[in-house]
Amino acid sequence: MKEIGHIYLSWREGLGTRRHIVGVLKRNTTLGVRFSYIKEGVESAKKVGFSPYTEFPDFEKDYTENVLEVFGQRIMKSERSDIADFYDFWEIDTKFRDDKFYLLALTQGLNPTDNFEFLADYNPSKSLRFLTDLAGLSALKLSGDSVKSGDVLTYKLASDHEFDDKAVKVYKDNIEVGYIKKIHSRVFYKQKNSFLKLVVKAVEQNGVIKRIFIKVCSK
């Protein structure tokens, strides 16, 4: 898919803490998929306990073998009985169900046992569509009924953010409900001349809202 650029490896110390962009996966028709660490992000993350991905222990190495085989283990196995629900939630295009790079980008490789995320740097197009979950909810403590599935949200560019010069602040009416995640926010700056549409896909809440998944697409 032309909409998917590089995929960046994000890590954070825990829920509510800052994301560090520690690595990048690049796909090339000639060289395949390769992975390398990003020195600045690694140095920042190491201060709060980051250690390398187990199968890729060398911060200095450019990995060219078994990259998708390793990271692809984070994607739900196609033989599982609930795989249809998984595809439906992430709105996976059936044409790309065997493309691990695409699946990693669309699903973020989320795993409840660690704090890694795989964040695609999307490019503008008329067919752009992806899901992301909002950042910054721990600080906001939104009430459980403040956002619901199907809500249409608005956004403002917030390039003066302390930790992200491509930050995007998201609102329901005039109420702040979070930020677009790092890397995912870049496409909002690339698409300056036409706004993107944000619709709430799902909400996880227990008295206060824990996660808000939104669908981002071209209007």
N, C-alpha and C. Protein backbone atom coordinates (compact mmCIF):
# COMPACT_ATOMS: atom_id res chain seq x y z
N MET A 1 0.84 -1.20 0.00
CA MET A 1 0.00 0.00 0.00
C MET A 1 0.86 1.24 0.00
N LYS A 2 0.59 2.14 -0.93
CA LYS A 2 1.41 3.35 -1.04
C LYS A 2 1.22 4.29 0.16
N GLU A 3 0.10 4.12 0.89
CA GLU A 3 -0.15 5.00 2.04
C GLU A 3 0.80 4.73 3.20
N ILE A 4 1.40 3.53 3.24
CA ILE A 4 2.25 3.15 4.37
C ILE A 4 3.71 3.43 4.03
N GLY A 5 4.34 4.31 4.80
CA GLY A 5 5.76 4.56 4.65
C GLY A 5 6.55 3.64 5.58
N HIS A 6 7.53 4.19 6.27
CA HIS A 6 8.27 3.39 7.25
C HIS A 6 7.37 3.09 8.45
N ILE A 7 7.71 2.02 9.17
CA ILE A 7 7.04 1.72 10.44
C ILE A 7 8.05 1.95 11.56
N TYR A 8 7.67 2.74 12.53
CA TYR A 8 8.57 3.07 13.64
C TYR A 8 8.24 2.26 14.88
N LEU A 9 9.29 1.81 15.57
CA LEU A 9 9.13 1.05 16.80
C LEU A 9 9.10 2.04 17.97
N SER A 10 8.00 2.02 18.70
CA SER A 10 7.83 2.90 19.86
C SER A 10 7.88 2.06 21.14
N TRP A 11 8.44 2.65 22.19
CA TRP A 11 8.49 1.99 23.50
C TRP A 11 8.23 3.04 24.57
N ARG A 12 7.54 2.62 25.61
CA ARG A 12 7.38 3.51 26.77
C ARG A 12 7.49 2.70 28.04
N GLU A 13 7.80 3.38 29.11
CA GLU A 13 8.04 2.72 30.40
C GLU A 13 6.78 2.07 30.94
N GLY A 14 5.65 2.68 30.70
CA GLY A 14 4.39 2.14 31.19
C GLY A 14 3.24 3.06 30.81
N LEU A 15 2.04 2.67 31.20
CA LEU A 15 0.85 3.43 30.88
C LEU A 15 0.97 4.86 31.41
N GLY A 16 0.66 5.82 30.55
CA GLY A 16 0.69 7.21 30.96
C GLY A 16 2.05 7.87 30.86
N THR A 17 3.07 7.13 30.41
CA THR A 17 4.40 7.70 30.27
C THR A 17 4.68 8.04 28.80
N ARG A 18 5.76 8.77 28.57
CA ARG A 18 6.08 9.27 27.23
C ARG A 18 6.57 8.16 26.32
N ARG A 19 6.15 8.21 25.05
CA ARG A 19 6.63 7.26 24.05
C ARG A 19 7.99 7.70 23.51
N HIS A 20 8.87 6.71 23.33
CA HIS A 20 10.19 6.94 22.73
C HIS A 20 10.24 6.19 21.41
N ILE A 21 10.65 6.84 20.35
CA ILE A 21 10.76 6.20 19.04
C ILE A 21 12.17 5.61 18.95
N VAL A 22 12.26 4.29 19.11
CA VAL A 22 13.57 3.65 19.30
C VAL A 22 14.08 2.91 18.07
N GLY A 23 13.24 2.71 17.05
CA GLY A 23 13.70 1.95 15.89
C GLY A 23 12.81 2.20 14.68
N VAL A 24 13.25 1.68 13.53
CA VAL A 24 12.48 1.87 12.30
C VAL A 24 12.59 0.65 11.41
N LEU A 25 11.47 0.26 10.81
CA LEU A 25 11.42 -0.80 9.81
C LEU A 25 11.21 -0.15 8.45
N LYS A 26 12.06 -0.50 7.49
CA LYS A 26 11.97 0.06 6.15
C LYS A 26 11.79 -1.08 5.15
N ARG A 27 10.87 -0.89 4.21
CA ARG A 27 10.64 -1.92 3.19
C ARG A 27 11.08 -1.39 1.82
N ASN A 28 11.82 -2.24 1.13
CA ASN A 28 12.32 -1.90 -0.19
C ASN A 28 12.12 -3.09 -1.11
N THR A 29 11.68 -2.87 -2.33
CA THR A 29 11.40 -3.98 -3.24
C THR A 29 12.65 -4.80 -3.55
N THR A 30 13.80 -4.17 -3.48
CA THR A 30 15.05 -4.87 -3.76
C THR A 30 15.65 -5.50 -2.51
N LEU A 31 15.68 -4.74 -1.41
CA LEU A 31 16.36 -5.18 -0.19
C LEU A 31 15.43 -5.86 0.81
N GLY A 32 14.14 -5.84 0.58
CA GLY A 32 13.21 -6.44 1.53
C GLY A 32 12.99 -5.53 2.73
N VAL A 33 12.69 -6.12 3.88
CA VAL A 33 12.43 -5.34 5.10
C VAL A 33 13.65 -5.40 6.01
N ARG A 34 14.10 -4.25 6.45
CA ARG A 34 15.24 -4.19 7.36
C ARG A 34 14.87 -3.36 8.59
N PHE A 35 15.58 -3.59 9.67
CA PHE A 35 15.29 -2.92 10.94
C PHE A 35 16.57 -2.36 11.53
N SER A 36 16.50 -1.16 12.05
CA SER A 36 17.63 -0.57 12.75
C SER A 36 17.11 0.29 13.89
N TYR A 37 17.95 0.47 14.90
CA TYR A 37 17.59 1.33 16.02
C TYR A 37 17.88 2.79 15.69
N ILE A 38 17.18 3.69 16.36
CA ILE A 38 17.38 5.13 16.21
C ILE A 38 18.12 5.61 17.46
N LYS A 39 19.35 6.06 17.27
CA LYS A 39 20.24 6.35 18.40
C LYS A 39 19.64 7.33 19.40
N GLU A 40 19.09 8.44 18.91
CA GLU A 40 18.56 9.46 19.82
C GLU A 40 17.43 8.90 20.68
N GLY A 41 16.51 8.15 20.05
CA GLY A 41 15.41 7.57 20.80
C GLY A 41 15.85 6.53 21.80
N VAL A 42 16.84 5.72 21.40
CA VAL A 42 17.37 4.68 22.29
C VAL A 42 18.02 5.31 23.52
N GLU A 43 18.84 6.33 23.31
CA GLU A 43 19.53 6.98 24.44
C GLU A 43 18.53 7.58 25.42
N SER A 44 17.47 8.18 24.90
CA SER A 44 16.44 8.76 25.75
C SER A 44 15.69 7.67 26.53
N ALA A 45 15.35 6.59 25.83
CA ALA A 45 14.58 5.50 26.46
C ALA A 45 15.40 4.73 27.49
N LYS A 46 16.69 4.60 27.25
CA LYS A 46 17.54 3.86 28.19
C LYS A 46 17.56 4.50 29.57
N LYS A 47 17.33 5.79 29.63
CA LYS A 47 17.32 6.51 30.91
C LYS A 47 16.16 6.08 31.80
N VAL A 48 15.13 5.49 31.18
CA VAL A 48 13.98 5.04 31.96
C VAL A 48 13.77 3.53 31.84
N GLY A 49 14.85 2.80 31.53
CA GLY A 49 14.82 1.35 31.63
C GLY A 49 14.70 0.56 30.35
N PHE A 50 14.81 1.20 29.20
CA PHE A 50 14.68 0.48 27.94
C PHE A 50 15.85 -0.47 27.69
N SER A 51 15.53 -1.66 27.20
CA SER A 51 16.54 -2.61 26.75
C SER A 51 16.11 -3.09 25.36
N PRO A 52 17.05 -3.59 24.55
CA PRO A 52 16.72 -3.90 23.15
C PRO A 52 15.70 -5.02 23.01
N TYR A 53 15.05 -5.04 21.85
CA TYR A 53 14.14 -6.13 21.51
C TYR A 53 14.95 -7.42 21.54
N THR A 54 14.43 -8.45 22.18
CA THR A 54 15.20 -9.66 22.48
C THR A 54 15.93 -10.23 21.27
N GLU A 55 15.25 -10.33 20.14
CA GLU A 55 15.85 -10.95 18.96
C GLU A 55 16.79 -10.02 18.19
N PHE A 56 16.80 -8.74 18.58
CA PHE A 56 17.66 -7.76 17.92
C PHE A 56 18.46 -7.00 18.98
N PRO A 57 19.48 -7.65 19.55
CA PRO A 57 20.15 -7.11 20.74
C PRO A 57 21.18 -6.01 20.48
N ASP A 58 21.63 -5.85 19.24
CA ASP A 58 22.73 -4.93 18.95
C ASP A 58 22.18 -3.59 18.46
N PHE A 59 22.37 -2.54 19.27
CA PHE A 59 21.86 -1.22 18.91
C PHE A 59 22.52 -0.65 17.66
N GLU A 60 23.69 -1.12 17.32
CA GLU A 60 24.45 -0.56 16.20
C GLU A 60 24.21 -1.28 14.87
N LYS A 61 23.58 -2.43 14.91
CA LYS A 61 23.46 -3.27 13.72
C LYS A 61 22.26 -2.91 12.86
N ASP A 62 22.42 -3.05 11.56
CA ASP A 62 21.31 -2.91 10.62
C ASP A 62 20.83 -4.32 10.28
N TYR A 63 19.68 -4.71 10.81
CA TYR A 63 19.19 -6.08 10.65
C TYR A 63 18.46 -6.23 9.32
N THR A 64 18.85 -7.24 8.55
CA THR A 64 18.28 -7.45 7.22
C THR A 64 17.63 -8.83 7.06
N GLU A 65 17.75 -9.69 8.06
CA GLU A 65 17.21 -11.04 7.96
C GLU A 65 16.18 -11.29 9.06
N ASN A 66 15.11 -11.98 8.69
CA ASN A 66 14.07 -12.45 9.62
C ASN A 66 13.35 -11.32 10.36
N VAL A 67 13.39 -10.12 9.81
CA VAL A 67 12.76 -8.99 10.50
C VAL A 67 11.25 -9.20 10.61
N LEU A 68 10.59 -9.48 9.49
CA LEU A 68 9.14 -9.68 9.53
C LEU A 68 8.76 -10.98 10.22
N GLU A 69 9.63 -11.99 10.13
CA GLU A 69 9.35 -13.25 10.81
C GLU A 69 9.28 -13.03 12.32
N VAL A 70 10.19 -12.20 12.83
CA VAL A 70 10.22 -11.93 14.28
C VAL A 70 9.07 -11.02 14.68
N PHE A 71 8.98 -9.87 14.09
CA PHE A 71 7.94 -8.91 14.48
C PHE A 71 6.55 -9.41 14.09
N GLY A 72 6.47 -10.24 13.05
CA GLY A 72 5.18 -10.79 12.63
C GLY A 72 4.56 -11.72 13.65
N GLN A 73 5.35 -12.18 14.62
CA GLN A 73 4.81 -13.03 15.68
C GLN A 73 3.82 -12.28 16.58
N ARG A 74 3.84 -10.96 16.49
CA ARG A 74 2.93 -10.15 17.29
C ARG A 74 1.53 -10.07 16.67
N ILE A 75 1.39 -10.51 15.45
CA ILE A 75 0.11 -10.45 14.74
C ILE A 75 -0.71 -11.70 15.07
N MET A 76 -2.00 -11.53 15.27
CA MET A 76 -2.86 -12.67 15.59
C MET A 76 -2.77 -13.73 14.49
N LYS A 77 -2.66 -14.98 14.91
CA LYS A 77 -2.54 -16.10 13.96
C LYS A 77 -3.85 -16.28 13.19
N SER A 78 -3.72 -16.51 11.88
CA SER A 78 -4.89 -16.58 11.01
C SER A 78 -5.77 -17.80 11.30
N GLU A 79 -5.22 -18.81 11.99
CA GLU A 79 -6.01 -20.01 12.27
C GLU A 79 -6.89 -19.86 13.52
N ARG A 80 -6.76 -18.76 14.25
CA ARG A 80 -7.58 -18.58 15.45
C ARG A 80 -9.05 -18.44 15.09
N SER A 81 -9.91 -18.91 15.98
CA SER A 81 -11.35 -18.90 15.70
C SER A 81 -11.93 -17.49 15.66
N ASP A 82 -11.26 -16.54 16.34
CA ASP A 82 -11.78 -15.17 16.38
C ASP A 82 -11.05 -14.24 15.41
N ILE A 83 -10.36 -14.81 14.42
CA ILE A 83 -9.58 -13.98 13.50
C ILE A 83 -10.47 -13.04 12.69
N ALA A 84 -11.71 -13.47 12.38
CA ALA A 84 -12.61 -12.61 11.60
C ALA A 84 -12.93 -11.33 12.37
N ASP A 85 -13.11 -11.44 13.68
CA ASP A 85 -13.37 -10.27 14.51
C ASP A 85 -12.17 -9.33 14.52
N PHE A 86 -10.97 -9.92 14.56
CA PHE A 86 -9.73 -9.16 14.54
C PHE A 86 -9.62 -8.36 13.24
N TYR A 87 -9.84 -9.03 12.11
CA TYR A 87 -9.79 -8.34 10.82
C TYR A 87 -10.85 -7.25 10.73
N ASP A 88 -12.02 -7.54 11.26
CA ASP A 88 -13.12 -6.59 11.19
C ASP A 88 -12.82 -5.34 12.02
N PHE A 89 -12.29 -5.54 13.23
CA PHE A 89 -12.01 -4.39 14.09
C PHE A 89 -10.98 -3.46 13.45
N TRP A 90 -9.88 -4.04 12.95
CA TRP A 90 -8.81 -3.23 12.38
C TRP A 90 -9.08 -2.85 10.92
N GLU A 91 -10.21 -3.28 10.39
CA GLU A 91 -10.63 -2.97 9.01
C GLU A 91 -9.53 -3.35 8.01
N ILE A 92 -9.10 -4.60 8.13
CA ILE A 92 -8.04 -5.14 7.28
C ILE A 92 -8.58 -5.42 5.88
N ASP A 93 -7.91 -4.91 4.87
CA ASP A 93 -8.26 -5.18 3.48
C ASP A 93 -7.91 -6.64 3.17
N THR A 94 -8.88 -7.40 2.70
CA THR A 94 -8.67 -8.83 2.47
C THR A 94 -7.52 -9.11 1.50
N LYS A 95 -7.21 -8.16 0.64
CA LYS A 95 -6.13 -8.36 -0.34
C LYS A 95 -4.76 -8.45 0.33
N PHE A 96 -4.65 -7.92 1.55
CA PHE A 96 -3.34 -7.82 2.19
C PHE A 96 -3.21 -8.67 3.45
N ARG A 97 -4.08 -9.67 3.62
CA ARG A 97 -4.06 -10.46 4.84
C ARG A 97 -2.80 -11.31 5.00
N ASP A 98 -2.06 -11.51 3.92
CA ASP A 98 -0.80 -12.27 4.00
C ASP A 98 0.43 -11.36 4.02
N ASP A 99 0.21 -10.07 4.06
CA ASP A 99 1.30 -9.09 4.04
C ASP A 99 1.59 -8.66 5.49
N LYS A 100 2.64 -9.21 6.07
CA LYS A 100 2.94 -8.94 7.48
C LYS A 100 3.30 -7.48 7.74
N PHE A 101 3.95 -6.86 6.78
CA PHE A 101 4.31 -5.44 6.94
C PHE A 101 3.03 -4.61 7.05
N TYR A 102 2.09 -4.86 6.16
CA TYR A 102 0.80 -4.17 6.19
C TYR A 102 0.07 -4.45 7.51
N LEU A 103 0.01 -5.72 7.91
CA LEU A 103 -0.71 -6.08 9.14
C LEU A 103 -0.08 -5.44 10.37
N LEU A 104 1.25 -5.40 10.40
CA LEU A 104 1.95 -4.78 11.53
C LEU A 104 1.63 -3.29 11.60
N ALA A 105 1.59 -2.65 10.43
CA ALA A 105 1.27 -1.22 10.38
C ALA A 105 -0.17 -0.96 10.83
N LEU A 106 -1.10 -1.72 10.31
CA LEU A 106 -2.52 -1.47 10.59
C LEU A 106 -2.90 -1.80 12.03
N THR A 107 -2.30 -2.84 12.62
CA THR A 107 -2.69 -3.27 13.96
C THR A 107 -1.77 -2.76 15.05
N GLN A 108 -0.66 -2.13 14.67
CA GLN A 108 0.34 -1.59 15.60
C GLN A 108 1.10 -2.66 16.37
N GLY A 109 0.86 -3.94 16.05
CA GLY A 109 1.57 -5.01 16.75
C GLY A 109 1.36 -4.97 18.25
N LEU A 110 0.21 -4.52 18.68
CA LEU A 110 -0.05 -4.36 20.12
C LEU A 110 -0.04 -5.70 20.84
N ASN A 111 0.62 -5.72 21.98
CA ASN A 111 0.73 -6.94 22.79
C ASN A 111 0.60 -6.54 24.26
N PRO A 112 -0.34 -7.15 25.00
CA PRO A 112 -0.55 -6.74 26.39
C PRO A 112 0.61 -7.07 27.33
N THR A 113 1.58 -7.84 26.87
CA THR A 113 2.68 -8.25 27.74
C THR A 113 3.89 -7.33 27.69
N ASP A 114 3.89 -6.33 26.79
CA ASP A 114 5.02 -5.40 26.75
C ASP A 114 4.56 -4.01 26.34
N ASN A 115 5.49 -3.09 26.21
CA ASN A 115 5.16 -1.69 25.94
C ASN A 115 5.66 -1.21 24.58
N PHE A 116 5.77 -2.15 23.63
CA PHE A 116 6.15 -1.80 22.27
C PHE A 116 4.91 -1.54 21.42
N GLU A 117 5.06 -0.61 20.47
CA GLU A 117 4.02 -0.36 19.47
C GLU A 117 4.72 -0.12 18.14
N PHE A 118 4.04 -0.46 17.05
CA PHE A 118 4.59 -0.28 15.71
C PHE A 118 3.73 0.75 15.00
N LEU A 119 4.30 1.94 14.80
CA LEU A 119 3.54 3.09 14.33
C LEU A 119 3.95 3.46 12.92
N ALA A 120 3.02 3.33 12.00
CA ALA A 120 3.30 3.61 10.59
C ALA A 120 3.28 5.11 10.32
N ASP A 121 4.20 5.54 9.48
CA ASP A 121 4.22 6.91 8.99
C ASP A 121 3.40 6.93 7.70
N TYR A 122 2.14 7.31 7.81
CA TYR A 122 1.22 7.25 6.67
C TYR A 122 1.41 8.43 5.72
N ASN A 123 1.08 8.19 4.46
CA ASN A 123 1.12 9.23 3.44
C ASN A 123 -0.29 9.58 3.00
N PRO A 124 -0.53 10.83 2.68
CA PRO A 124 -1.89 11.24 2.25
C PRO A 124 -2.30 10.54 0.96
N SER A 125 -3.57 10.18 0.88
CA SER A 125 -4.14 9.67 -0.36
C SER A 125 -5.66 9.68 -0.20
N LYS A 126 -6.36 9.57 -1.31
CA LYS A 126 -7.82 9.57 -1.26
C LYS A 126 -8.36 8.34 -0.55
N SER A 127 -7.56 7.26 -0.52
CA SER A 127 -8.02 6.02 0.11
C SER A 127 -7.43 5.81 1.50
N LEU A 128 -6.78 6.83 2.05
CA LEU A 128 -6.17 6.69 3.39
C LEU A 128 -7.22 6.31 4.43
N ARG A 129 -6.90 5.29 5.23
CA ARG A 129 -7.78 4.87 6.31
C ARG A 129 -6.97 4.03 7.28
N PHE A 130 -6.95 4.42 8.54
CA PHE A 130 -6.26 3.60 9.55
C PHE A 130 -6.86 3.87 10.92
N LEU A 131 -6.62 2.93 11.85
CA LEU A 131 -7.07 3.07 13.22
C LEU A 131 -5.89 3.44 14.11
N THR A 132 -6.17 4.26 15.11
CA THR A 132 -5.17 4.59 16.12
C THR A 132 -5.90 4.80 17.44
N ASP A 133 -5.21 4.67 18.55
CA ASP A 133 -5.81 4.97 19.84
C ASP A 133 -5.16 6.23 20.38
N LEU A 134 -5.95 7.07 20.99
CA LEU A 134 -5.49 8.39 21.40
C LEU A 134 -4.51 8.31 22.56
N ALA A 135 -3.57 9.24 22.56
CA ALA A 135 -2.60 9.38 23.65
C ALA A 135 -3.10 10.45 24.63
N GLY A 136 -2.56 10.42 25.84
CA GLY A 136 -2.83 11.47 26.82
C GLY A 136 -4.05 11.27 27.68
N LEU A 137 -4.68 10.09 27.62
CA LEU A 137 -5.93 9.88 28.36
C LEU A 137 -5.71 9.78 29.87
N SER A 138 -4.55 9.29 30.28
CA SER A 138 -4.29 9.12 31.73
C SER A 138 -4.39 10.45 32.46
N ALA A 139 -3.93 11.51 31.83
CA ALA A 139 -3.96 12.82 32.47
C ALA A 139 -5.35 13.46 32.43
N LEU A 140 -6.14 13.13 31.39
CA LEU A 140 -7.43 13.79 31.20
C LEU A 140 -8.53 13.25 32.12
N LYS A 141 -8.48 11.92 32.39
CA LYS A 141 -9.49 11.29 33.26
C LYS A 141 -10.92 11.63 32.81
N LEU A 142 -11.20 11.31 31.56
CA LEU A 142 -12.52 11.58 30.99
C LEU A 142 -13.57 10.65 31.58
N SER A 143 -14.75 11.16 31.86
CA SER A 143 -15.83 10.32 32.39
C SER A 143 -16.26 9.31 31.34
N GLY A 144 -16.76 8.18 31.81
CA GLY A 144 -17.07 7.06 30.92
C GLY A 144 -18.08 7.36 29.85
N ASP A 145 -18.93 8.36 30.06
CA ASP A 145 -19.98 8.67 29.08
C ASP A 145 -19.64 9.88 28.21
N SER A 146 -18.40 10.37 28.28
CA SER A 146 -18.06 11.60 27.56
C SER A 146 -17.77 11.37 26.09
N VAL A 147 -17.37 10.16 25.72
CA VAL A 147 -17.11 9.81 24.32
C VAL A 147 -17.70 8.45 24.05
N LYS A 148 -18.34 8.29 22.89
CA LYS A 148 -18.92 6.98 22.56
C LYS A 148 -18.64 6.62 21.11
N SER A 149 -18.78 5.34 20.81
CA SER A 149 -18.57 4.85 19.46
C SER A 149 -19.46 5.60 18.47
N GLY A 150 -18.88 6.01 17.34
CA GLY A 150 -19.63 6.72 16.33
C GLY A 150 -19.50 8.23 16.40
N ASP A 151 -18.98 8.75 17.51
CA ASP A 151 -18.78 10.20 17.63
C ASP A 151 -17.80 10.70 16.57
N VAL A 152 -18.10 11.84 15.98
CA VAL A 152 -17.18 12.49 15.05
C VAL A 152 -16.38 13.53 15.82
N LEU A 153 -15.06 13.45 15.72
CA LEU A 153 -14.17 14.32 16.47
C LEU A 153 -13.51 15.35 15.55
N THR A 154 -12.97 16.39 16.15
CA THR A 154 -12.23 17.40 15.40
C THR A 154 -10.80 17.46 15.94
N TYR A 155 -9.94 18.21 15.26
CA TYR A 155 -8.55 18.28 15.70
C TYR A 155 -7.92 19.61 15.35
N LYS A 156 -6.82 19.91 16.05
CA LYS A 156 -6.00 21.09 15.77
C LYS A 156 -4.54 20.68 15.81
N LEU A 157 -3.75 21.22 14.89
CA LEU A 157 -2.31 20.99 14.93
C LEU A 157 -1.74 21.72 16.15
N ALA A 158 -0.80 21.05 16.83
CA ALA A 158 -0.23 21.61 18.06
C ALA A 158 1.29 21.44 18.04
N SER A 159 1.92 22.10 17.08
CA SER A 159 3.35 21.91 16.86
C SER A 159 4.22 22.48 17.98
N ASP A 160 3.61 23.21 18.92
CA ASP A 160 4.37 23.75 20.05
C ASP A 160 4.44 22.77 21.22
N HIS A 161 4.00 21.53 21.01
CA HIS A 161 4.03 20.52 22.07
C HIS A 161 5.46 20.26 22.52
N GLU A 162 5.64 20.05 23.83
CA GLU A 162 6.98 19.91 24.41
C GLU A 162 7.76 18.74 23.84
N PHE A 163 7.09 17.62 23.56
CA PHE A 163 7.79 16.40 23.16
C PHE A 163 7.54 15.98 21.71
N ASP A 164 6.68 16.69 20.98
CA ASP A 164 6.35 16.27 19.61
C ASP A 164 6.01 17.49 18.77
N ASP A 165 6.89 17.84 17.84
CA ASP A 165 6.62 19.02 17.01
C ASP A 165 5.62 18.72 15.90
N LYS A 166 5.11 17.49 15.86
CA LYS A 166 4.03 17.14 14.94
C LYS A 166 2.79 16.71 15.73
N ALA A 167 2.62 17.29 16.89
CA ALA A 167 1.49 16.91 17.75
C ALA A 167 0.16 17.37 17.16
N VAL A 168 -0.88 16.59 17.43
CA VAL A 168 -2.24 16.91 16.97
C VAL A 168 -3.19 16.69 18.15
N LYS A 169 -3.87 17.74 18.55
CA LYS A 169 -4.81 17.68 19.68
C LYS A 169 -6.21 17.37 19.16
N VAL A 170 -6.92 16.47 19.85
CA VAL A 170 -8.23 16.00 19.38
C VAL A 170 -9.33 16.45 20.34
N TYR A 171 -10.48 16.80 19.76
CA TYR A 171 -11.59 17.34 20.55
C TYR A 171 -12.90 16.65 20.19
N LYS A 172 -13.78 16.56 21.20
CA LYS A 172 -15.19 16.29 20.95
C LYS A 172 -15.93 17.57 21.30
N ASP A 173 -16.57 18.18 20.33
CA ASP A 173 -17.10 19.53 20.49
C ASP A 173 -15.94 20.44 20.90
N ASN A 174 -15.98 21.05 22.08
CA ASN A 174 -14.87 21.90 22.51
C ASN A 174 -14.07 21.27 23.65
N ILE A 175 -14.29 19.98 23.88
CA ILE A 175 -13.62 19.30 24.99
C ILE A 175 -12.44 18.50 24.47
N GLU A 176 -11.27 18.71 25.05
CA GLU A 176 -10.08 17.94 24.65
C GLU A 176 -10.23 16.49 25.07
N VAL A 177 -9.97 15.55 24.14
CA VAL A 177 -10.10 14.13 24.46
C VAL A 177 -8.80 13.36 24.20
N GLY A 178 -7.70 14.06 23.92
CA GLY A 178 -6.42 13.38 23.75
C GLY A 178 -5.63 13.91 22.58
N TYR A 179 -4.55 13.19 22.28
CA TYR A 179 -3.67 13.53 21.16
C TYR A 179 -3.56 12.34 20.21
N ILE A 180 -3.31 12.62 18.94
CA ILE A 180 -2.93 11.56 18.01
C ILE A 180 -1.53 11.08 18.40
N LYS A 181 -1.31 9.77 18.35
CA LYS A 181 -0.01 9.22 18.73
C LYS A 181 1.13 9.77 17.86
N LYS A 182 2.31 9.80 18.44
CA LYS A 182 3.51 10.12 17.67
C LYS A 182 3.57 9.26 16.41
N ILE A 183 4.17 9.76 15.38
CA ILE A 183 4.31 9.14 14.06
C ILE A 183 2.96 9.14 13.32
N HIS A 184 1.91 8.60 13.92
CA HIS A 184 0.59 8.66 13.29
C HIS A 184 0.17 10.10 13.04
N SER A 185 0.68 11.01 13.85
CA SER A 185 0.28 12.42 13.71
C SER A 185 0.89 13.09 12.48
N ARG A 186 1.95 12.52 11.92
CA ARG A 186 2.66 13.19 10.83
C ARG A 186 1.79 13.42 9.60
N VAL A 187 0.90 12.48 9.32
CA VAL A 187 0.08 12.61 8.10
C VAL A 187 -0.83 13.83 8.17
N PHE A 188 -1.17 14.27 9.36
CA PHE A 188 -2.01 15.46 9.51
C PHE A 188 -1.27 16.71 9.03
N TYR A 189 0.04 16.70 9.18
CA TYR A 189 0.86 17.83 8.72
C TYR A 189 1.14 17.73 7.22
N LYS A 190 1.20 16.50 6.70
CA LYS A 190 1.40 16.32 5.27
C LYS A 190 0.15 16.71 4.48
N GLN A 191 -1.02 16.59 5.11
CA GLN A 191 -2.30 16.81 4.44
C GLN A 191 -2.87 18.18 4.84
N LYS A 192 -2.06 19.21 4.78
CA LYS A 192 -2.44 20.52 5.29
C LYS A 192 -3.64 21.13 4.56
N ASN A 193 -3.77 20.86 3.29
CA ASN A 193 -4.79 21.55 2.51
C ASN A 193 -6.17 20.90 2.54
N SER A 194 -6.26 19.73 3.14
CA SER A 194 -7.57 19.07 3.26
C SER A 194 -7.64 18.31 4.57
N PHE A 195 -8.73 18.50 5.29
CA PHE A 195 -8.84 17.91 6.61
C PHE A 195 -9.13 16.40 6.54
N LEU A 196 -8.69 15.70 7.56
CA LEU A 196 -8.98 14.29 7.71
C LEU A 196 -10.20 14.12 8.61
N LYS A 197 -10.91 13.03 8.42
CA LYS A 197 -12.10 12.76 9.22
C LYS A 197 -11.75 11.81 10.36
N LEU A 198 -12.22 12.11 11.57
CA LEU A 198 -11.98 11.28 12.74
C LEU A 198 -13.31 10.78 13.30
N VAL A 199 -13.44 9.46 13.40
CA VAL A 199 -14.67 8.87 13.95
C VAL A 199 -14.28 7.86 15.02
N VAL A 200 -14.94 7.89 16.16
CA VAL A 200 -14.64 6.96 17.25
C VAL A 200 -15.06 5.55 16.85
N LYS A 201 -14.12 4.62 16.92
CA LYS A 201 -14.37 3.22 16.58
C LYS A 201 -14.81 2.43 17.81
N ALA A 202 -14.12 2.63 18.93
CA ALA A 202 -14.43 1.88 20.14
C ALA A 202 -13.88 2.62 21.36
N VAL A 203 -14.52 2.40 22.49
CA VAL A 203 -14.10 3.03 23.74
C VAL A 203 -13.98 1.96 24.83
N GLU A 204 -12.86 1.97 25.54
CA GLU A 204 -12.70 1.10 26.70
C GLU A 204 -12.78 1.99 27.94
N GLN A 205 -13.69 1.66 28.85
CA GLN A 205 -13.84 2.50 30.03
C GLN A 205 -14.26 1.69 31.24
N ASN A 206 -13.89 2.20 32.39
CA ASN A 206 -14.26 1.60 33.67
C ASN A 206 -14.42 2.76 34.65
N GLY A 207 -15.55 3.45 34.54
CA GLY A 207 -15.74 4.67 35.32
C GLY A 207 -15.14 5.86 34.59
N VAL A 208 -13.84 5.77 34.28
CA VAL A 208 -13.20 6.76 33.43
C VAL A 208 -12.74 6.05 32.15
N ILE A 209 -12.56 6.81 31.08
CA ILE A 209 -12.16 6.23 29.80
C ILE A 209 -10.69 5.83 29.82
N LYS A 210 -10.42 4.58 29.46
CA LYS A 210 -9.07 4.05 29.42
C LYS A 210 -8.43 4.17 28.03
N ARG A 211 -9.23 3.88 26.99
CA ARG A 211 -8.71 3.95 25.62
C ARG A 211 -9.82 4.40 24.68
N ILE A 212 -9.42 5.18 23.69
CA ILE A 212 -10.32 5.59 22.62
C ILE A 212 -9.67 5.25 21.30
N PHE A 213 -10.26 4.31 20.58
CA PHE A 213 -9.78 3.96 19.23
C PHE A 213 -10.56 4.81 18.23
N ILE A 214 -9.85 5.44 17.32
CA ILE A 214 -10.53 6.24 16.31
C ILE A 214 -10.08 5.80 14.91
N LYS A 215 -11.01 5.99 13.96
CA LYS A 215 -10.68 5.75 12.56
C LYS A 215 -10.34 7.09 11.93
N VAL A 216 -9.18 7.12 11.28
CA VAL A 216 -8.72 8.31 10.56
C VAL A 216 -8.85 8.01 9.07
N CYS A 217 -9.52 8.89 8.33
CA CYS A 217 -9.65 8.66 6.89
C CYS A 217 -9.76 9.97 6.14
N SER A 218 -9.49 9.91 4.86
CA SER A 218 -9.64 11.08 4.01
C SER A 218 -11.12 11.41 3.86
N LYS A 219 -11.44 12.68 3.75
CA LYS A 219 -12.83 13.08 3.58
C LYS A 219 -13.26 12.86 2.12
